[in-house]
Amino acid sequence: MIKMHAKITGDKEIQSKIAELAKKNVAALRGVITKSVLVVEGRAKKTVPVLTGRLRASITHEVNKEGAGYIGKVGTNVEYAPAVEFGLKRSRAKPYLFPAMKESKGDIIRFLTNAIKAVK
């Protein structure tokens, strides 16, 4: 599976609010992660080059508990996926996962902001 990692960084106040969200409302944190990976997955499926549809159909997500929080992954297990994303000597790159992640940044921030505001 192609793996992409995104780390939320920011000032100490933002990081402490995310930690508070994780402590007070784990379900809300899982919801943020789930909504985020679904948005990235949807965008990747819209932009992936399609010849047979196999690559597009294989793009999926998962959300797993890790320590006190959750980790979300979007990717594919199709063996030629890295060649499409990054290109080869004889074929140019046609990125779809990294652009999907970048384009989803605003949505992810909005999901997280709304969840933090809801923490009492």
Protein backbone atom coordinates (compact mmCIF):
# COMPACT_ATOMS: atom_id res chain seq x y z
CA MET A 1 0.00 0.00 0.00
CA ILE A 2 1.27 3.46 -0.83
CA LYS A 3 1.40 5.31 2.45
CA MET A 4 1.11 9.03 3.01
CA HIS A 5 1.77 10.60 6.34
CA ALA A 6 0.49 13.95 7.47
CA LYS A 7 1.39 15.39 10.81
CA ILE A 8 -0.64 18.15 12.38
CA THR A 9 1.72 20.83 13.60
CA GLY A 10 1.12 24.20 15.06
CA ASP A 11 1.73 26.29 18.08
CA LYS A 12 1.54 24.86 21.58
CA GLU A 13 -2.04 26.07 22.06
CA ILE A 14 -3.30 24.17 19.00
CA GLN A 15 -1.42 21.05 20.00
CA SER A 16 -2.82 21.20 23.54
CA LYS A 17 -6.37 21.63 22.19
CA ILE A 18 -5.93 18.56 19.98
CA ALA A 19 -4.62 16.62 23.00
CA GLU A 20 -7.62 17.85 25.03
CA LEU A 21 -9.96 16.70 22.26
CA ALA A 22 -8.31 13.27 22.29
CA LYS A 23 -8.73 12.98 26.07
CA LYS A 24 -12.28 14.31 26.37
CA ASN A 25 -13.91 12.99 23.26
CA VAL A 26 -12.16 10.09 21.55
CA ALA A 27 -15.24 9.46 19.39
CA ALA A 28 -15.05 13.02 18.04
CA LEU A 29 -11.37 12.59 17.25
CA ARG A 30 -12.11 9.34 15.43
CA GLY A 31 -14.87 11.18 13.54
CA VAL A 32 -12.43 13.90 12.45
CA ILE A 33 -9.94 11.30 11.23
CA THR A 34 -12.66 9.30 9.46
CA LYS A 35 -14.14 12.35 7.70
CA SER A 36 -10.65 13.44 6.72
CA VAL A 37 -9.63 10.15 5.11
CA LEU A 38 -12.97 9.92 3.30
CA VAL A 39 -12.42 13.37 1.78
CA VAL A 40 -8.86 12.47 0.70
CA GLU A 41 -10.04 9.13 -0.70
CA GLY A 42 -12.84 10.79 -2.66
CA ARG A 43 -10.53 13.38 -4.17
CA ALA A 44 -7.94 10.75 -5.07
CA LYS A 45 -10.61 8.67 -6.82
CA LYS A 46 -11.75 11.72 -8.80
CA THR A 47 -8.26 12.58 -10.03
CA VAL A 48 -6.56 9.19 -10.50
CA PRO A 49 -5.86 8.38 -14.16
CA VAL A 50 -8.21 5.63 -15.33
CA LEU A 51 -7.50 3.00 -17.96
CA THR A 52 -9.29 -0.07 -16.61
CA GLY A 53 -10.62 1.36 -13.33
CA ARG A 54 -8.64 -1.12 -11.21
CA LEU A 55 -6.46 1.52 -9.55
CA ARG A 56 -9.39 3.82 -8.79
CA ALA A 57 -11.44 0.95 -7.35
CA SER A 58 -8.53 -0.09 -5.12
CA ILE A 59 -8.14 3.28 -3.39
CA THR A 60 -9.41 2.85 0.12
CA HIS A 61 -9.01 4.12 3.65
CA GLU A 62 -8.66 2.76 7.14
CA VAL A 63 -8.78 4.27 10.61
CA ASN A 64 -7.03 2.44 13.42
CA LYS A 65 -6.50 3.10 17.11
CA GLU A 66 -2.91 3.97 17.88
CA GLY A 67 -1.92 4.77 21.44
CA ALA A 68 -4.33 7.35 22.85
CA GLY A 69 -5.53 8.43 19.41
CA TYR A 70 -6.24 7.25 15.90
CA ILE A 71 -4.35 7.09 12.66
CA GLY A 72 -6.00 7.33 9.26
CA LYS A 73 -4.55 5.93 6.05
CA VAL A 74 -5.54 6.34 2.43
CA GLY A 75 -3.89 4.22 -0.21
CA THR A 76 -3.94 1.30 -2.57
CA ASN A 77 -2.29 -2.08 -2.80
CA VAL A 78 -2.15 -2.13 -6.60
CA GLU A 79 1.44 -2.91 -7.55
CA TYR A 80 1.71 -0.21 -10.24
CA ALA A 81 0.28 2.59 -8.07
CA PRO A 82 3.72 4.05 -7.18
CA ALA A 83 4.62 4.20 -10.89
CA VAL A 84 1.46 6.22 -11.56
CA GLU A 85 1.96 8.54 -8.58
CA PHE A 86 5.70 9.11 -9.00
CA GLY A 87 6.37 8.15 -12.63
CA LEU A 88 9.10 6.05 -14.17
CA LYS A 89 12.00 6.83 -16.48
CA ARG A 90 9.78 6.18 -19.49
CA SER A 91 6.50 7.62 -18.16
CA ARG A 92 5.72 10.85 -16.41
CA ALA A 93 4.20 11.02 -12.94
CA LYS A 94 0.43 11.41 -12.68
CA PRO A 95 0.01 12.18 -8.98
CA TYR A 96 -3.36 11.65 -7.40
CA LEU A 97 -2.76 10.84 -3.70
CA PHE A 98 -0.50 13.74 -2.75
CA PRO A 99 -2.63 16.33 -4.56
CA ALA A 100 -5.75 14.87 -2.90
CA MET A 101 -4.11 15.30 0.50
CA LYS A 102 -3.01 18.87 -0.26
CA GLU A 103 -6.43 19.84 -1.61
CA SER A 104 -8.12 18.40 1.48
CA LYS A 105 -6.08 20.43 3.95
CA GLY A 106 -8.75 23.12 4.38
CA ASP A 107 -11.48 20.55 4.98
CA ILE A 108 -9.35 18.69 7.52
CA ILE A 109 -8.59 21.91 9.39
CA ARG A 110 -12.31 22.76 9.41
CA PHE A 111 -13.23 19.29 10.75
CA LEU A 112 -10.63 19.60 13.49
CA THR A 113 -11.58 23.18 14.37
CA ASN A 114 -15.26 22.27 14.71
CA ALA A 115 -14.42 19.27 16.90
CA ILE A 116 -12.17 21.37 19.15
CA LYS A 117 -14.87 24.06 19.49
CA ALA A 118 -17.35 21.39 20.56
CA VAL A 119 -15.12 20.25 23.45
CA LYS A 120 -16.55 21.57 26.68
